[in-house]
Amino acid sequence: MTDAASPDIERGVRRVAFIALVITATISALVGAGAGVLMASITPVDKFTWLMLLLIPVYIILEGAFEIFVEVIGSYSRIARITVIIALLAGFYVTWFYMRPL
């Protein structure tokens, strides 16, 4: 391989890693939103509970499922973990507060 091709390859690897990060965050937000819909329909309207604690097992399952992306994401793995947590929380609470009257 020549040195001229390596910047193009590196740029392509970064692009694939970014796409994998976006896919991971999207799946996490959708799982969080699904859990928010489920919990909003189950819990009493007049009570605020710490329902996010119920998503800890879901987060652990997501971590295990997203281990296949670690090779693809590479240097973005720490960012991906933070993004997964934020997307899961945001998806859950936005959906939960949207479905429940204040």
Protein backbone atom coordinates (compact mmCIF):
# COMPACT_ATOMS: atom_id res chain seq x y z
CA MET A 1 0.00 0.00 0.00
CA THR A 2 1.13 3.48 -0.65
CA ASP A 3 1.19 6.32 1.80
CA ALA A 4 -1.27 8.29 -0.35
CA ALA A 5 -4.01 5.71 0.24
CA SER A 6 -3.70 5.59 4.03
CA PRO A 7 -5.45 8.95 4.75
CA ASP A 8 -8.38 7.81 2.63
CA ILE A 9 -8.54 4.51 4.48
CA GLU A 10 -8.34 6.25 7.85
CA ARG A 11 -11.12 8.64 6.84
CA GLY A 12 -13.26 5.67 5.77
CA VAL A 13 -12.65 3.90 9.08
CA ARG A 14 -13.67 7.03 11.00
CA ARG A 15 -16.81 7.34 8.90
CA VAL A 16 -17.80 3.72 9.57
CA ALA A 17 -17.10 4.18 13.29
CA PHE A 18 -19.29 7.28 13.37
CA ILE A 19 -22.12 5.48 11.56
CA ALA A 20 -21.87 2.60 14.04
CA LEU A 21 -22.04 5.11 16.90
CA VAL A 22 -25.17 6.72 15.45
CA ILE A 23 -26.82 3.32 14.97
CA THR A 24 -25.98 2.34 18.55
CA ALA A 25 -27.41 5.58 19.96
CA THR A 26 -30.57 5.23 17.86
CA ILE A 27 -31.21 1.68 19.04
CA SER A 28 -30.63 2.74 22.65
CA ALA A 29 -33.05 5.65 22.34
CA LEU A 30 -35.69 3.38 20.82
CA VAL A 31 -35.28 0.82 23.60
CA GLY A 32 -35.53 3.60 26.19
CA ALA A 33 -38.64 4.99 24.51
CA GLY A 34 -40.23 1.56 24.44
CA ALA A 35 -39.54 1.11 28.13
CA GLY A 36 -40.95 4.59 28.77
CA VAL A 37 -44.19 3.71 26.99
CA LEU A 38 -44.46 0.46 28.91
CA MET A 39 -43.82 2.05 32.30
CA ALA A 40 -46.10 5.02 31.62
CA SER A 41 -48.95 2.66 30.87
CA ILE A 42 -48.30 0.45 33.93
CA THR A 43 -47.57 2.89 36.76
CA PRO A 44 -50.16 4.96 38.62
CA VAL A 45 -50.61 8.51 37.34
CA ASP A 46 -50.25 10.19 40.74
CA LYS A 47 -46.89 8.59 41.60
CA PHE A 48 -43.39 9.40 40.45
CA THR A 49 -41.13 6.44 40.88
CA TRP A 50 -37.53 5.76 40.04
CA LEU A 51 -38.44 3.61 37.09
CA MET A 52 -35.11 4.11 35.42
CA LEU A 53 -33.64 1.65 37.89
CA LEU A 54 -35.67 -1.01 36.11
CA LEU A 55 -33.71 -0.24 32.96
CA ILE A 56 -30.39 -1.27 34.48
CA PRO A 57 -30.82 -4.86 33.23
CA VAL A 58 -31.75 -3.49 29.80
CA TYR A 59 -28.59 -1.40 29.77
CA ILE A 60 -26.51 -4.45 30.70
CA ILE A 61 -28.08 -6.41 27.85
CA LEU A 62 -27.40 -3.52 25.46
CA GLU A 63 -23.77 -3.40 26.59
CA GLY A 64 -23.42 -7.08 25.79
CA ALA A 65 -25.12 -6.71 22.43
CA PHE A 66 -23.02 -3.71 21.47
CA GLU A 67 -19.74 -5.48 22.17
CA ILE A 68 -19.73 -6.46 18.50
CA PHE A 69 -19.51 -2.77 17.63
CA VAL A 70 -16.43 -2.21 19.80
CA GLU A 71 -14.12 -3.41 17.05
CA VAL A 72 -15.83 -1.12 14.56
CA ILE A 73 -16.05 1.89 16.84
CA GLY A 74 -12.46 1.54 18.06
CA SER A 75 -11.34 4.82 19.59
CA TYR A 76 -14.95 5.94 20.01
CA SER A 77 -15.78 3.18 22.50
CA ARG A 78 -15.86 5.47 25.56
CA ILE A 79 -17.96 8.00 23.69
CA ALA A 80 -20.26 5.19 22.57
CA ARG A 81 -20.87 4.03 26.14
CA ILE A 82 -21.72 7.55 27.29
CA THR A 83 -23.92 8.04 24.24
CA VAL A 84 -25.78 4.79 24.93
CA ILE A 85 -26.50 5.85 28.51
CA ILE A 86 -27.67 9.34 27.52
CA ALA A 87 -29.83 8.02 24.67
CA LEU A 88 -31.40 5.39 26.91
CA LEU A 89 -32.20 7.94 29.62
CA ALA A 90 -33.46 10.55 27.18
CA GLY A 91 -35.62 8.08 25.28
CA PHE A 92 -37.13 6.78 28.49
CA TYR A 93 -37.86 10.04 30.26
CA VAL A 94 -39.00 12.03 27.23
CA THR A 95 -41.50 9.32 26.34
CA TRP A 96 -42.55 8.74 29.91
CA PHE A 97 -43.20 12.42 30.66
CA TYR A 98 -44.93 12.88 27.31
CA MET A 99 -47.40 10.06 28.00
CA ARG A 100 -48.14 11.03 31.61
CA PRO A 101 -50.02 14.18 32.62
CA LEU A 102 -48.05 16.51 34.87
